[in-house]
Structures are given as structure tokens and as C-alpha cells.
Protein backbone atom coordinates (compact mmCIF):
# COMPACT_ATOMS: atom_id res chain seq x y z
CA MET A 1 103.38 129.33 96.06
CA ASN A 2 99.93 129.74 95.61
CA LEU A 3 98.46 133.43 95.00
CA ASN A 4 94.91 132.33 96.08
CA ASN A 5 96.34 131.76 99.58
CA ILE A 6 97.68 134.85 100.41
CA HIS A 7 95.50 137.48 101.88
CA ASN A 8 97.81 140.44 102.61
CA VAL A 9 100.42 142.29 100.40
CA TYR A 10 102.95 144.40 101.49
CA PHE A 11 105.31 146.20 98.80
CA LEU A 12 108.58 147.50 99.71
CA GLY A 13 108.98 150.60 96.89
CA ILE A 14 105.04 150.55 96.09
CA GLY A 15 105.55 153.89 94.30
CA GLY A 16 107.74 152.30 91.52
CA ILE A 17 105.89 152.34 88.22
CA GLY A 18 106.00 148.15 87.90
CA MET A 19 105.14 147.85 91.37
CA SER A 20 102.23 150.03 91.92
CA ALA A 21 100.64 148.25 88.65
CA LEU A 22 100.92 145.14 90.68
CA ALA A 23 99.32 146.93 93.63
CA ARG A 24 96.62 148.18 91.48
CA TYR A 25 96.18 144.28 90.61
CA PHE A 26 96.08 142.64 94.19
CA HIS A 27 93.97 145.50 95.07
CA ALA A 28 91.27 144.59 92.56
CA ASN A 29 91.33 141.20 93.43
CA LYS A 30 90.56 141.82 97.03
CA LYS A 31 93.54 141.66 98.67
CA GLN A 32 94.61 143.81 101.62
CA VAL A 33 97.57 146.04 100.24
CA ALA A 34 99.78 148.28 101.65
CA GLY A 35 103.34 149.46 101.41
CA TYR A 36 106.32 151.80 101.74
CA ASP A 37 107.90 154.61 99.62
CA ARG A 38 110.83 156.67 99.99
CA THR A 39 108.55 159.94 99.15
CA PRO A 40 105.08 160.84 98.01
CA THR A 41 104.62 160.86 94.57
CA GLU A 42 101.58 161.24 91.82
CA ILE A 43 101.54 157.44 91.73
CA THR A 44 101.43 157.17 95.83
CA ASP A 45 98.49 159.63 95.87
CA GLY A 46 96.79 157.24 93.32
CA LEU A 47 97.44 154.21 95.34
CA GLU A 48 96.18 155.94 98.31
CA ALA A 49 93.05 157.20 96.70
CA LEU A 50 92.03 153.54 96.37
CA GLY A 51 92.38 153.24 99.96
CA ILE A 52 95.98 151.46 99.93
CA ASP A 53 97.86 152.45 103.16
CA ILE A 54 101.33 153.94 102.50
CA HIS A 55 104.09 155.50 104.61
CA PHE A 56 107.12 157.02 103.77
CA GLU A 57 109.57 156.15 106.85
CA ASP A 58 111.70 153.09 106.86
CA LYS A 59 110.55 151.98 110.32
CA VAL A 60 108.74 148.58 111.21
CA GLU A 61 106.46 150.30 113.75
CA ALA A 62 104.86 152.53 110.95
CA ILE A 63 103.49 148.96 109.22
CA ASP A 64 99.89 148.06 109.82
CA ALA A 65 99.65 145.03 112.32
CA THR A 66 97.44 143.11 109.74
CA PHE A 67 100.72 143.00 107.59
CA LEU A 68 103.08 141.48 110.29
CA ASN A 69 101.13 138.02 110.13
CA LEU A 70 103.27 135.42 108.99
CA GLU A 71 100.93 132.90 107.64
CA ASN A 72 99.16 135.18 105.10
CA THR A 73 101.44 137.77 104.25
CA LEU A 74 103.27 138.28 101.02
CA VAL A 75 106.07 140.72 100.96
CA VAL A 76 107.03 142.11 97.06
CA TYR A 77 110.23 144.19 96.85
CA THR A 78 111.81 146.01 94.12
CA PRO A 79 115.89 145.68 93.62
CA ALA A 80 116.07 149.81 94.19
CA ILE A 81 115.22 149.21 97.82
CA PRO A 82 118.91 149.50 99.54
CA LYS A 83 120.51 146.63 100.99
CA ASP A 84 120.64 148.12 104.68
CA HIS A 85 116.54 148.65 104.49
CA LYS A 86 115.13 148.01 107.98
CA GLU A 87 111.70 146.98 107.05
CA TYR A 88 112.91 144.51 104.36
CA HIS A 89 115.64 142.99 106.78
CA TYR A 90 112.70 142.55 109.57
CA PHE A 91 110.44 140.41 106.95
CA VAL A 92 113.58 138.21 105.95
CA ASP A 93 114.52 137.83 109.48
CA HIS A 94 111.15 136.80 110.42
CA GLY A 95 110.74 134.13 107.60
CA PHE A 96 108.07 135.98 105.50
CA ALA A 97 107.72 135.31 101.79
CA VAL A 98 109.72 137.94 100.45
CA VAL A 99 110.03 138.00 96.81
CA LYS A 100 111.12 140.04 93.69
CA ARG A 101 108.19 141.91 91.61
CA SER A 102 109.71 139.59 88.25
CA LYS A 103 108.84 136.69 90.21
CA ILE A 104 105.35 137.70 91.24
CA LEU A 105 104.74 138.72 87.47
CA GLY A 106 105.93 135.41 86.38
CA LEU A 107 103.22 133.67 89.09
CA ILE A 108 100.57 135.74 87.75
CA THR A 109 100.90 135.27 84.29
CA GLU A 110 101.59 131.56 84.36
CA HIS A 111 98.08 130.40 84.23
CA THR A 112 97.10 133.11 81.68
CA PHE A 113 97.47 133.41 77.68
CA CYS A 114 100.56 135.88 78.31
CA LEU A 115 101.70 138.26 75.50
CA ALA A 116 104.99 140.04 76.55
CA VAL A 117 106.96 142.62 74.99
CA ALA A 118 110.99 142.76 75.50
CA GLY A 119 113.91 145.11 74.49
CA THR A 120 116.13 147.57 75.76
CA HIS A 121 114.00 150.15 74.20
CA GLY A 122 110.22 150.55 73.26
CA LYS A 123 108.82 147.99 76.13
CA THR A 124 106.63 150.82 77.55
CA THR A 125 105.11 152.24 74.51
CA THR A 126 104.36 149.03 72.44
CA THR A 127 102.92 147.16 75.81
CA SER A 128 100.77 150.01 76.15
CA ILE A 129 99.49 150.07 72.44
CA LEU A 130 99.03 146.49 72.64
CA GLY A 131 97.13 146.86 75.84
CA HIS A 132 94.80 149.30 74.09
CA LEU A 133 94.41 147.56 71.14
CA MET A 134 93.19 144.23 72.89
CA TYR A 135 91.04 146.35 75.44
CA GLU A 136 89.21 147.89 72.51
CA CYS A 137 88.78 144.24 70.90
CA ASN A 138 87.23 143.45 74.39
CA VAL A 139 89.85 140.74 74.98
CA PRO A 140 89.46 139.64 78.58
CA LEU A 141 93.05 140.90 79.74
CA THR A 142 95.02 142.10 82.52
CA ALA A 143 97.62 144.58 81.20
CA PHE A 144 100.67 145.56 83.48
CA LEU A 145 102.30 148.63 81.89
CA GLY A 146 105.86 150.73 82.80
CA GLY A 147 104.33 153.85 82.25
CA VAL A 148 101.01 155.63 82.94
CA SER A 149 98.54 155.45 79.60
CA GLU A 150 97.12 158.52 78.41
CA ASN A 151 94.15 156.69 77.31
CA TYR A 152 93.66 155.16 80.96
CA ASN A 153 95.40 157.13 82.92
CA SER A 154 96.72 154.33 84.48
CA ASN A 155 99.87 152.02 84.39
CA PHE A 156 97.27 149.13 84.61
CA ILE A 157 94.25 147.91 82.50
CA GLU A 158 91.89 145.14 83.49
CA ASN A 159 89.19 143.66 81.50
CA GLY A 160 89.29 140.09 82.94
CA THR A 161 91.97 137.70 83.80
CA GLU A 162 92.41 135.17 80.87
CA VAL A 163 95.08 136.93 78.93
CA SER A 164 97.94 138.95 80.42
CA VAL A 165 99.84 141.67 78.90
CA VAL A 166 103.31 142.55 80.27
CA GLU A 167 106.52 144.18 79.92
CA ALA A 168 109.40 141.72 79.92
CA ASP A 169 112.34 143.80 81.52
CA GLU A 170 115.86 142.78 80.79
CA PHE A 171 116.88 144.42 83.96
CA ASP A 172 118.49 141.69 86.45
CA ARG A 173 117.22 139.15 84.06
CA SER A 174 113.75 139.78 85.29
CA PHE A 175 111.87 138.54 82.12
CA LEU A 176 113.55 134.89 82.19
CA THR A 177 110.60 134.36 84.72
CA LEU A 178 108.16 134.70 82.18
CA ALA A 179 106.93 132.05 79.94
CA PRO A 180 104.96 133.81 76.77
CA ASP A 181 102.62 132.88 74.12
CA ILE A 182 103.20 135.48 71.88
CA ALA A 183 106.08 137.97 72.45
CA CYS A 184 108.60 140.68 70.65
CA ILE A 185 112.08 141.92 70.93
CA THR A 186 111.85 145.55 69.87
CA SER A 187 115.80 146.11 70.40
CA MET A 188 118.93 144.72 72.01
CA ASP A 189 121.13 147.40 72.60
CA ALA A 190 123.79 147.42 75.30
CA ASP A 191 122.34 148.62 78.56
CA HIS A 192 122.51 147.80 82.30
CA LEU A 193 126.09 146.91 81.99
CA ASP A 194 126.44 147.50 86.14
CA ILE A 195 124.32 144.05 85.86
CA TYR A 196 125.82 142.31 82.71
CA GLY A 197 128.99 143.50 82.43
CA ASP A 198 129.26 143.64 78.52
CA ALA A 199 127.02 143.80 75.44
CA SER A 200 127.39 139.94 74.76
CA GLU A 201 125.74 139.12 78.14
CA VAL A 202 122.99 141.28 77.20
CA GLU A 203 122.35 139.46 73.77
CA LYS A 204 122.68 136.00 75.31
CA SER A 205 120.11 137.12 77.78
CA PHE A 206 117.81 137.96 74.91
CA GLU A 207 118.41 134.68 73.24
CA ASP A 208 117.58 133.03 76.71
CA PHE A 209 114.20 134.61 76.72
CA SER A 210 113.36 133.64 73.31
CA LYS A 211 113.60 130.25 74.24
CA LYS A 212 110.90 130.93 77.15
CA VAL A 213 108.53 131.46 74.44
CA LYS A 214 106.02 128.39 74.38
CA THR A 215 106.61 125.74 71.88
CA ASN A 216 103.43 126.45 69.53
CA GLY A 217 103.91 130.21 70.58
CA THR A 218 105.03 133.33 68.39
CA LEU A 219 108.15 135.25 68.58
CA PHE A 220 107.86 138.59 66.79
CA VAL A 221 111.47 140.05 66.29
CA ARG A 222 112.42 143.27 64.82
CA ASN A 223 114.09 142.83 61.38
CA GLY A 224 118.00 143.05 61.72
CA LEU A 225 118.21 141.81 65.21
CA PRO A 226 120.27 138.21 65.57
CA ILE A 227 117.24 136.19 66.93
CA LYS A 228 115.09 134.20 64.63
CA GLY A 229 111.47 134.84 64.80
CA THR A 230 108.74 136.73 62.84
CA THR A 231 109.99 139.79 61.40
CA TYR A 232 108.71 143.47 61.43
CA GLY A 233 109.88 146.47 59.84
CA ILE A 234 109.56 149.83 58.54
CA GLU A 235 109.77 150.06 54.62
CA ASP A 236 111.52 146.81 54.15
CA ASN A 237 110.98 142.98 53.25
CA SER A 238 109.85 141.93 56.87
CA ASP A 239 106.80 139.48 57.43
CA TYR A 240 104.96 142.40 58.76
CA ALA A 241 105.93 145.79 57.40
CA VAL A 242 104.68 149.32 57.17
CA GLN A 243 104.56 150.88 54.01
CA ASN A 244 103.60 154.09 51.92
CA ILE A 245 104.08 156.51 54.93
CA LYS A 246 102.80 159.78 54.85
CA ILE A 247 102.34 162.39 57.52
CA GLU A 248 98.92 164.39 57.28
CA ARG A 249 98.02 166.72 60.43
CA GLY A 250 101.04 165.34 62.62
CA ALA A 251 99.77 162.14 62.41
CA TYR A 252 101.14 158.97 60.25
CA VAL A 253 99.07 157.25 57.51
CA PHE A 254 100.35 154.25 56.14
CA ASP A 255 99.81 150.47 54.98
CA VAL A 256 100.53 147.41 56.60
CA LYS A 257 101.51 144.43 54.81
CA THR A 258 101.15 141.01 56.79
CA PRO A 259 102.11 137.63 55.61
CA LYS A 260 98.34 137.39 54.30
CA THR A 261 97.41 140.78 53.20
CA VAL A 262 97.99 144.45 52.95
CA LEU A 263 95.83 146.70 55.16
CA LYS A 264 95.38 150.33 53.82
CA ASN A 265 95.33 153.62 55.12
CA LEU A 266 96.16 153.23 59.00
CA LYS A 267 96.58 156.10 61.23
CA PHE A 268 98.69 156.49 64.27
CA ASN A 269 99.28 159.67 66.10
CA LEU A 270 102.64 159.36 67.92
CA PRO A 271 105.47 161.07 66.26
CA GLY A 272 108.88 159.21 65.63
CA ARG A 273 109.51 155.81 63.33
CA HIS A 274 110.54 154.39 66.52
CA ASN A 275 106.96 154.62 67.33
CA LEU A 276 105.65 153.77 64.29
CA SER A 277 107.66 150.24 64.70
CA ASN A 278 106.34 149.95 68.29
CA ALA A 279 102.65 150.45 66.70
CA LEU A 280 103.36 147.83 64.00
CA VAL A 281 104.63 145.07 66.37
CA ALA A 282 101.55 145.64 68.88
CA PHE A 283 99.21 145.67 65.81
CA ALA A 284 100.87 142.46 64.77
CA MET A 285 100.84 140.43 68.15
CA ALA A 286 97.05 141.17 68.59
CA LEU A 287 96.18 140.02 65.05
CA GLU A 288 98.03 136.83 65.94
CA TYR A 289 96.05 136.46 69.04
CA GLY A 290 93.06 136.62 66.96
CA CYS A 291 91.82 140.01 67.07
CA SER A 292 89.83 141.54 63.97
CA SER A 293 91.91 143.91 61.56
CA GLU A 294 88.87 146.15 61.64
CA LEU A 295 88.56 146.69 65.15
CA LEU A 296 92.58 146.99 65.26
CA VAL A 297 92.59 149.39 62.69
CA LYS A 298 90.05 151.97 64.54
CA ALA A 299 91.71 151.16 67.90
CA LEU A 300 95.10 151.96 66.56
CA ALA A 301 94.01 155.57 65.56
CA SER A 302 92.29 156.34 69.10
CA TYR A 303 95.80 155.47 70.92
CA LYS A 304 96.96 158.30 72.49
CA GLY A 305 100.24 157.63 74.18
CA VAL A 306 101.97 157.17 77.55
CA LYS A 307 103.05 160.05 79.86
CA ARG A 308 106.71 160.92 79.52
CA ARG A 309 106.83 159.75 76.06
CA PHE A 310 107.14 162.50 73.73
CA THR A 311 104.35 164.01 75.78
CA TYR A 312 103.37 167.64 74.30
CA HIS A 313 102.93 169.99 77.51
CA VAL A 314 102.99 173.19 75.57
CA LYS A 315 102.12 173.38 71.57
CA THR A 316 101.54 176.64 70.15
CA ASP A 317 102.90 178.20 66.82
CA ALA A 318 105.58 180.01 68.78
CA PHE A 319 106.70 177.68 71.34
CA VAL A 320 106.69 173.85 71.62
CA PHE A 321 107.48 171.87 75.20
CA ILE A 322 107.93 168.11 74.82
CA ASP A 323 108.68 165.69 77.72
CA ASP A 324 110.14 162.11 77.35
CA TYR A 325 111.73 159.52 79.44
CA ALA A 326 114.50 158.93 77.23
CA HIS A 327 117.61 157.95 78.93
CA HIS A 328 119.80 155.94 76.57
CA PRO A 329 121.54 157.29 73.74
CA GLU A 330 119.62 155.36 71.16
CA GLU A 331 116.39 156.63 72.74
CA ILE A 332 117.80 159.96 72.56
CA ASN A 333 118.32 159.51 69.00
CA ALA A 334 114.82 158.40 68.28
CA VAL A 335 113.65 161.48 70.12
CA HIS A 336 115.92 163.62 67.84
CA GLN A 337 114.83 161.83 64.58
CA ALA A 338 110.82 162.54 65.79
CA VAL A 339 111.43 166.17 66.67
CA ARG A 340 113.25 167.02 63.41
CA GLU A 341 110.73 165.16 61.29
CA MET A 342 107.76 167.22 63.14
CA TYR A 343 109.40 170.47 63.24
CA PRO A 344 112.15 170.40 60.44
CA ASP A 345 113.03 174.56 60.48
CA LYS A 346 113.01 174.85 64.25
CA GLU A 347 115.93 175.66 66.75
CA VAL A 348 115.79 172.65 69.25
CA LEU A 349 116.94 173.00 73.17
CA VAL A 350 117.26 169.78 74.88
CA ILE A 351 117.66 169.60 78.77
CA PHE A 352 119.01 166.19 79.82
CA GLN A 353 119.43 164.71 83.25
CA PRO A 354 121.89 161.75 82.91
CA HIS A 355 120.64 158.64 84.84
CA LEU A 356 122.93 156.54 86.73
CA PHE A 357 126.78 157.24 87.12
CA SER A 358 127.71 153.66 85.69
CA ARG A 359 125.40 154.23 82.32
CA THR A 360 127.17 157.73 81.85
CA ARG A 361 130.22 156.21 82.12
CA ASP A 362 129.83 153.07 79.91
CA PHE A 363 128.22 155.24 77.18
CA ILE A 364 129.93 158.75 77.78
CA ASP A 365 130.90 158.86 73.76
CA GLU A 366 127.60 157.79 72.66
CA PHE A 367 125.71 160.08 75.07
CA ALA A 368 127.72 163.15 73.60
CA LYS A 369 127.22 162.28 70.11
CA SER A 370 123.42 162.04 70.50
CA LEU A 371 123.03 165.11 72.47
CA SER A 372 125.46 166.96 70.09
CA GLN A 373 122.79 166.92 67.28
CA PHE A 374 120.65 169.34 69.13
CA ASN A 375 120.90 172.92 68.57
CA GLU A 376 121.47 173.78 72.42
CA VAL A 377 122.03 171.56 75.58
CA LEU A 378 121.45 172.17 79.14
CA LEU A 379 122.83 169.22 81.65
CA LEU A 380 121.09 168.74 85.05
CA ASP A 381 123.51 166.81 87.47
CA ILE A 382 123.55 162.89 87.26
CA TYR A 383 120.60 161.26 89.06
CA PRO A 384 122.09 158.47 91.15
CA ALA A 385 118.90 156.28 91.60
CA ARG A 386 120.49 153.21 93.28
CA GLU A 387 124.28 154.05 92.92
CA LEU A 388 126.95 155.64 94.84
CA PRO A 389 129.08 158.56 92.99
CA ILE A 390 131.90 157.28 90.72
CA ALA A 391 135.05 159.43 90.67
CA GLY A 392 135.26 161.50 87.66
CA VAL A 393 131.69 160.66 86.17
CA THR A 394 130.04 164.14 86.36
CA SER A 395 127.74 166.11 83.91
CA GLN A 396 130.58 168.38 83.51
CA TRP A 397 132.72 165.61 81.88
CA LEU A 398 129.78 164.70 79.60
CA LEU A 399 129.23 168.54 78.63
CA ASP A 400 133.27 168.78 77.79
CA LYS A 401 132.62 165.93 75.10
CA ILE A 402 129.80 167.35 73.55
CA GLN A 403 130.61 169.10 70.04
CA ASN A 404 128.20 171.80 70.43
CA LYS A 405 129.45 175.44 71.41
CA ASN A 406 125.94 176.11 72.90
CA LYS A 407 125.84 174.18 76.02
CA HIS A 408 125.94 174.38 79.93
CA VAL A 409 125.40 172.53 82.93
CA VAL A 410 122.75 173.92 84.87
CA SER A 411 121.18 173.67 88.64
CA LYS A 412 117.25 173.02 88.70
CA ASN A 413 117.15 176.46 90.33
CA ASP A 414 118.20 178.06 87.19
CA LEU A 415 116.48 176.09 84.93
CA LEU A 416 113.49 178.39 84.09
CA THR A 417 116.15 181.38 83.47
CA ALA A 418 117.90 179.32 81.06
CA ILE A 419 114.89 178.27 78.99
CA HIS A 420 114.02 182.07 78.84
CA ASN A 421 117.77 183.11 77.60
CA SER A 422 117.34 180.62 74.77
CA ASN A 423 116.38 180.91 71.21
CA ALA A 424 114.90 177.78 70.66
CA GLN A 425 111.32 177.45 69.93
CA ILE A 426 111.14 173.58 70.73
CA VAL A 427 112.31 172.73 74.31
CA LEU A 428 112.67 168.78 75.07
CA THR A 429 113.31 167.72 78.62
CA LEU A 430 114.73 164.27 78.65
CA GLY A 431 115.83 161.68 81.45
CA ALA A 432 114.81 158.74 83.81
CA GLY A 433 115.15 160.74 87.15
CA ASP A 434 113.21 163.29 88.80
CA ILE A 435 113.38 165.49 85.84
CA GLY A 436 109.68 164.82 85.33
CA GLU A 437 109.09 166.86 88.33
CA GLU A 438 110.43 169.93 86.61
CA VAL A 439 107.73 169.49 83.98
CA LYS A 440 105.01 171.34 85.68
CA ARG A 441 107.10 174.22 86.56
CA ILE A 442 108.19 174.71 82.86
CA LYS A 443 104.41 174.07 81.71
CA LYS A 444 103.29 176.64 83.87
CA GLU A 445 106.01 179.27 83.24
CA PHE A 446 105.52 179.05 79.40
CA SER A 447 101.97 178.60 79.27
CA GLY A 448 100.21 179.80 82.21
CA ALA A 449 98.78 176.25 83.12
CA ASN A 450 98.37 175.07 86.24
């Protein structure tokens, strides 16, 4: 498929974080772009502000006639689109080019110098850091992010087309469409078992990805993972290592040992050792590409983060409210480590919305263990996403397993009251579902913010 011959690009699920970045890419490259999504969001609002036509009803009649031209229309879809989707079936039945997002990402990046970030956790933050570092070094790049960068208020960074920075997503083995020049693997924990079946298949998929790195390319691997590559780690004997960590005014100050030298007194503003690890590998990848270490040190200090990744919404001496996308037990553990490091003497309330019935079932004991670490736990009902309910898999089942007396299942309607009734000084909202929509309500209630 030659993307140069495509004039119109229609997206089924255009409001998805990965899909919307592709929509922005094609719009920036002067293609006609339109799409469908289930509901309006801030993301679709942003796309519509660019002049992209979006509708929210699954109805073929709602599609602009321009995009019903078989010869020069490409249809991109997300696996989250239901199997009985009318528009999807119309395009398939009428012989349109209908392809997954991952394949398009592979096509876009195959003629670029590609830097790809893989891992069951840390992809979005690492990709966002890497995109920012290379942008600040004036690299002619296009970066596709799986979250909204605080520095750019977008999930798309553009400064040219010679270099691409992408998330290599293991879901549905999507990352096997890529052939990166420089790549990293941040983590390989069991996840997406509804796709893979068991942890060994997840590991095999990452091994397959490691072989996709070009012959003369470089693969960075977090120290301890069972894949060969250039290692990185925190205060260990890795090829690239963070050393001499201090916390000053809520930021990390540290040294970085590389195979050739030691760089002193770097600064990074995101809390949590997992984020420090993400920053290290992004720094190493940019250095390997050829960016100046002096520019990289400066750029790292100016990185602000990704929305819904340990994002502060209220931060006073009396009350702190933080929102995070964490939806896997290891991610919850990482958030717990970060919040305890920053606020060692405070009571912490976590509000968690489980994401997917299958993930809740597959990791029920791990979820219970990770959530039990907090002083108080509130659970919302499970967010189903693409799934139908599974008998017996409920938030109450998870609650019963949590080893904490201060725990409740609450509805969204009762959420503010439950927070008011808590003695916690730190409140966290965690999850990958629509819990993010509650953030504005909580923020307004506890800070008077709009």
C-alpha cells in the first residue's frame, strides 16, 4: 500500500489515543480526514477544532460522501470497534482498504529512522520523554504518543518526517508490524491474557519483537529481563545506570553512567523510581541516536509529564489529589512507591476502577495485594471496555480479597461524599476506564477549580 496515493482517511474509533495521533498525522500531511467514535471527548473536541469531521452514531448515512470513494479512501480501525459495527461492515463489504491502526503505523515508520518503545508498563511516559528530548535537540521527528504530553498538550509531536518515535504496543501483537532502528523493552509482565493465554506467550511475543530490530540497530533492555541487549537500570551495574540519587524540592537529582562517561547532576521532575527508569532509557536512546548530551540534560529537566500519569490536580499542604492511568498490579505498585517516597507520613486513599473483567479475573490476587498497601480503598464498578461481563467477576469480589479494613465499593454518585468522609490527606484516582472523567468533579470539589 502506497500512502502517497491515498487522499482520504476515515477512522473507526477516531477518539482513541493512538488513533487520534494518526488522524493528526494525516491531517498535517494534507489528507482529508474524518471519523466515527462512540462519544464526544476532549480528544475528539481537539480533532474537530482542526476541522476534522466526526460523528457519534454508527450510521453509514452520516459519512461524508467524499469518504465513500473506493479508489482513494483508506479506512483505519481499532480492535475496540465491535464486531457488529455497521460502518465497519459497509467498508469491508464494498471492498475498501480497511486496515488496523498498527499496520498503518508500520507503513508510516518503515521509511524513517524509527525509535520504538515496548513494554507492558512505561511505554507512554518513555515515548513522551523520548519525543520531548529529541524535539528539544531539533531532530526532524514525528512522534506518536499513547497519552497527552503536558509539554505539547497533544499526543502528536511534529518537527519533520525523517525520524519516527512510536509506542510499540504488545496488545494483539501490534508491535510486530514495526522494524525499529533503536528500541527498548521496559517491562514484560503478564498482561492481555485474553489475547495471549499465558505469560509464556507474552514473553515469546517480546522475544519476537526484539528480533524485529534492524541488524545494525540497538535494543535497550531493562536490567533483569530475559532478553539480550544493552542494559539500563537504577543504581546497578547496567551499561547505562542512574547513580547517586537525591530528592531536592520534589525532583530527582542524579548522575548517569554511560559506557563512555559519567554525566553529573541531571534533574527530572516526575516522582517514582519507575519514571526515573523510563527517563534513563529515553535519555540513552536519544544519546544513541546522536543527540548532544548537553542538550539532553537541559531537555530532561524541562519535561513536564503525560496527562493521567501521576498528574497533580490539587497540591496544597493540607490536601493532595493525584490522577494516574495505572490499571495493572505492577503499575499500582509503582504509583504506591512514588507516593510513599514523596509523602512518607501521610494517609493515602486510593480510588480504583478495575479495567476489563478478564484482567480483573486473571490478576485478582495481585490486584488485592497491591491495593492493600494503601490506607483506604474505594472501588468503582469494573469498566468493561470491549468485554461482556464474566459471571462472578465483580468489584465486590476484589474488595473481599483486599487485606484492609478501610475499604468500600462506591458508585460514582457517592464518590465525593466518600472522599469527604475520609481522613486521608492524599487522594489517588487510578484506572484506564472512564474514571478520568471524574477528575474534574473531584478537582472542583476540593480546590474550587473550574
